[in-house]
C-alpha atoms as a PDB file:
ATOM      1  CA  LEU A   1     170.245 -45.483 153.922  1.00  0.00           C
ATOM      2  CA  LEU A   2     170.655 -42.446 151.705  1.00  0.00           C
ATOM      3  CA  SER A   3     172.876 -39.669 150.529  1.00  0.00           C
ATOM      4  CA  HIS A   4     173.177 -36.042 151.478  1.00  0.00           C
ATOM      5  CA  GLN A   5     175.373 -33.439 149.812  1.00  0.00           C
ATOM      6  CA  GLY A   6     176.822 -31.815 152.963  1.00  0.00           C
ATOM      7  CA  ARG A   7     179.988 -32.619 154.862  1.00  0.00           C
ATOM      8  CA  THR A   8     180.087 -31.958 158.573  1.00  0.00           C
ATOM      9  CA  LYS A   9     182.160 -32.744 161.624  1.00  0.00           C
ATOM     10  CA  LEU A  10     180.277 -34.987 164.062  1.00  0.00           C
ATOM     11  CA  GLU A  11     180.120 -33.789 167.641  1.00  0.00           C
ATOM     12  CA  PRO A  12     179.993 -36.509 170.339  1.00  0.00           C
ATOM     13  CA  GLY A  13     177.345 -36.392 173.031  1.00  0.00           C
ATOM     14  CA  VAL A  14     174.721 -34.483 171.045  1.00  0.00           C
ATOM     15  CA  THR A  15     171.189 -35.727 171.533  1.00  0.00           C
ATOM     16  CA  SER A  16     168.225 -34.638 169.462  1.00  0.00           C
ATOM     17  CA  VAL A  17     164.510 -35.216 169.931  1.00  0.00           C
ATOM     18  CA  TYR A  18     161.981 -34.429 167.229  1.00  0.00           C
ATOM     19  CA  GLY A  19     158.319 -35.231 166.850  1.00  0.00           C
ATOM     20  CA  LEU A  20     157.226 -34.966 170.464  1.00  0.00           C
ATOM     21  CA  SER A  21     153.551 -34.240 170.664  1.00  0.00           C
ATOM     22  CA  ASN A  22     152.092 -31.995 173.307  1.00  0.00           C
ATOM     23  CA  VAL A  23     151.111 -33.827 176.485  1.00  0.00           C
ATOM     24  CA  GLU A  24     147.937 -32.553 178.126  1.00  0.00           C
ATOM     25  CA  GLY A  25     148.786 -29.887 180.672  1.00  0.00           C
ATOM     26  CA  GLN A  26     152.367 -29.494 179.464  1.00  0.00           C
ATOM     27  CA  LYS A  27     153.772 -26.645 177.452  1.00  0.00           C
ATOM     28  CA  ASP A  28     155.759 -27.482 174.310  1.00  0.00           C
ATOM     29  CA  ALA A  29     158.790 -25.840 175.932  1.00  0.00           C
ATOM     30  CA  ASP A  30     158.618 -28.463 178.724  1.00  0.00           C
ATOM     31  CA  LEU A  31     159.180 -31.309 176.260  1.00  0.00           C
ATOM     32  CA  GLY A  32     162.667 -32.380 175.263  1.00  0.00           C
ATOM     33  CA  VAL A  33     165.812 -33.931 176.636  1.00  0.00           C
ATOM     34  CA  TYR A  34     166.349 -33.476 180.371  1.00  0.00           C
ATOM     35  CA  GLY A  35     169.325 -31.172 180.800  1.00  0.00           C
ATOM     36  CA  GLY A  36     169.388 -30.565 177.035  1.00  0.00           C
ATOM     37  CA  ARG A  37     169.555 -27.257 175.235  1.00  0.00           C
ATOM     38  CA  ASN A  38     167.855 -25.723 172.235  1.00  0.00           C
ATOM     39  CA  ALA A  39     169.843 -25.969 169.028  1.00  0.00           C
ATOM     40  CA  THR A  40     169.504 -24.930 165.409  1.00  0.00           C
ATOM     41  CA  ILE A  41     169.925 -27.022 162.276  1.00  0.00           C
ATOM     42  CA  ARG A  42     172.955 -24.852 161.449  1.00  0.00           C
ATOM     43  CA  GLN A  43     174.672 -26.146 164.603  1.00  0.00           C
ATOM     44  CA  TYR A  44     173.939 -29.811 163.790  1.00  0.00           C
ATOM     45  CA  PRO A  45     173.367 -30.049 160.020  1.00  0.00           C
ATOM     46  CA  TYR A  46     174.070 -33.802 160.008  1.00  0.00           C
ATOM     47  CA  LEU A  47     170.848 -34.637 161.900  1.00  0.00           C
ATOM     48  CA  VAL A  48     167.920 -35.952 159.861  1.00  0.00           C
ATOM     49  CA  SER A  49     164.332 -36.922 160.589  1.00  0.00           C
ATOM     50  CA  LEU A  50     163.058 -40.324 159.486  1.00  0.00           C
ATOM     51  CA  LEU A  51     159.459 -40.424 158.261  1.00  0.00           C
ATOM     52  CA  ASP A  52     157.391 -43.505 157.411  1.00  0.00           C
ATOM     53  CA  LEU A  53     154.496 -42.501 155.161  1.00  0.00           C
ATOM     54  CA  GLY A  54     154.974 -38.944 156.443  1.00  0.00           C
ATOM     55  CA  ILE A  55     154.875 -39.901 160.139  1.00  0.00           C
ATOM     56  CA  TYR A  56     157.965 -39.249 162.279  1.00  0.00           C
ATOM     57  CA  VAL A  57     159.643 -42.493 163.400  1.00  0.00           C
ATOM     58  CA  GLY A  58     163.092 -41.368 164.511  1.00  0.00           C
ATOM     59  CA  THR A  59     166.253 -39.334 164.100  1.00  0.00           C
ATOM     60  CA  GLY A  60     169.453 -40.256 162.298  1.00  0.00           C
ATOM     61  CA  SER A  61     172.932 -38.869 161.655  1.00  0.00           C
ATOM     62  CA  ILE A  62     174.527 -38.415 158.256  1.00  0.00           C
ATOM     63  CA  ILE A  63     177.810 -40.339 158.405  1.00  0.00           C
ATOM     64  CA  SER A  64     178.803 -40.100 154.720  1.00  0.00           C
ATOM     65  CA  ARG A  65     177.453 -38.981 151.348  1.00  0.00           C
ATOM     66  CA  SER A  66     175.550 -42.271 151.059  1.00  0.00           C
ATOM     67  CA  TRP A  67     174.708 -43.349 154.605  1.00  0.00           C
ATOM     68  CA  VAL A  68     172.533 -42.355 157.551  1.00  0.00           C
ATOM     69  CA  LEU A  69     173.044 -44.064 160.912  1.00  0.00           C
ATOM     70  CA  THR A  70     170.110 -44.586 163.270  1.00  0.00           C
ATOM     71  CA  THR A  71     168.883 -47.124 165.813  1.00  0.00           C
ATOM     72  CA  ALA A  72     167.202 -50.344 164.701  1.00  0.00           C
ATOM     73  CA  LEU A  73     164.104 -49.292 166.627  1.00  0.00           C
ATOM     74  CA  CYS A  74     163.574 -46.399 164.185  1.00  0.00           C
ATOM     75  CA  VAL A  75     163.479 -48.588 161.077  1.00  0.00           C
ATOM     76  CA  TYR A  76     162.670 -52.120 162.263  1.00  0.00           C
ATOM     77  CA  LYS A  77     159.967 -53.678 160.069  1.00  0.00           C
ATOM     78  CA  PHE A  78     159.734 -50.599 157.826  1.00  0.00           C
ATOM     79  CA  ASP A  79     159.793 -50.875 154.045  1.00  0.00           C
ATOM     80  CA  PRO A  80     162.433 -48.516 152.584  1.00  0.00           C
ATOM     81  CA  GLN A  81     160.093 -47.513 149.759  1.00  0.00           C
ATOM     82  CA  TYR A  82     157.923 -45.738 152.355  1.00  0.00           C
ATOM     83  CA  LEU A  83     160.790 -44.289 154.410  1.00  0.00           C
ATOM     84  CA  THR A  84     161.804 -40.675 153.781  1.00  0.00           C
ATOM     85  CA  VAL A  85     164.962 -39.107 155.174  1.00  0.00           C
ATOM     86  CA  MET A  86     164.329 -35.404 155.805  1.00  0.00           C
ATOM     87  CA  ALA A  87     167.589 -33.417 155.800  1.00  0.00           C
ATOM     88  CA  GLU A  88     168.054 -29.724 156.621  1.00  0.00           C
ATOM     89  CA  SER A  89     164.889 -29.838 158.712  1.00  0.00           C
ATOM     90  CA  LYS A  90     164.129 -27.173 161.302  1.00  0.00           C
ATOM     91  CA  ASN A  91     161.105 -28.963 162.761  1.00  0.00           C
ATOM     92  CA  GLY A  92     161.303 -32.570 161.564  1.00  0.00           C
ATOM     93  CA  ASN A  93     158.678 -32.179 158.841  1.00  0.00           C
ATOM     94  CA  THR A  94     160.193 -29.693 156.397  1.00  0.00           C
ATOM     95  CA  GLY A  95     163.513 -29.658 154.603  1.00  0.00           C
ATOM     96  CA  SER A  96     165.118 -31.683 151.812  1.00  0.00           C
ATOM     97  CA  PRO A  97     163.471 -35.107 151.408  1.00  0.00           C
ATOM     98  CA  PHE A  98     165.444 -38.143 150.215  1.00  0.00           C
ATOM     99  CA  GLN A  99     164.000 -41.583 149.498  1.00  0.00           C
ATOM    100  CA  ALA A 100     165.591 -44.426 151.461  1.00  0.00           C
ATOM    101  CA  ALA A 101     167.174 -47.072 149.243  1.00  0.00           C
ATOM    102  CA  ARG A 102     167.977 -49.866 151.701  1.00  0.00           C
ATOM    103  CA  ILE A 103     167.763 -50.705 155.389  1.00  0.00           C
ATOM    104  CA  PHE A 104     170.397 -52.927 157.007  1.00  0.00           C
END
C-alpha cells in the first residue's frame, strides 16, 4: 500500500488491536486481546493503523519500504484515495500519516 522509512525485524505471533471503543459497563483496560499484553510502539514499530476518512478500519504490518500487509477485510471496497496509513502511532490516531497509493 505505502512506504515507511523504518526497517524492523518482524516478530511472529504478535497481535495488535487498536480502535476499540468503550463498551458500556467495561473499563478500557478490560478491552484487548485475551491473554495479550500491553506493548509500546517502540517494541513493534512496524505496526500501522489504517484509517478511512479518519475512521479506524484495521491494523497492518510494514513488510518493506513500499508495502503494508493487512487483511482483505480491512480494505475491501475502500478507495485508496481516502485510506491513510498511520505509522509510528501510539494510539491509532496520531503519528506519521501516509496516503495509500493502491490496494491489491
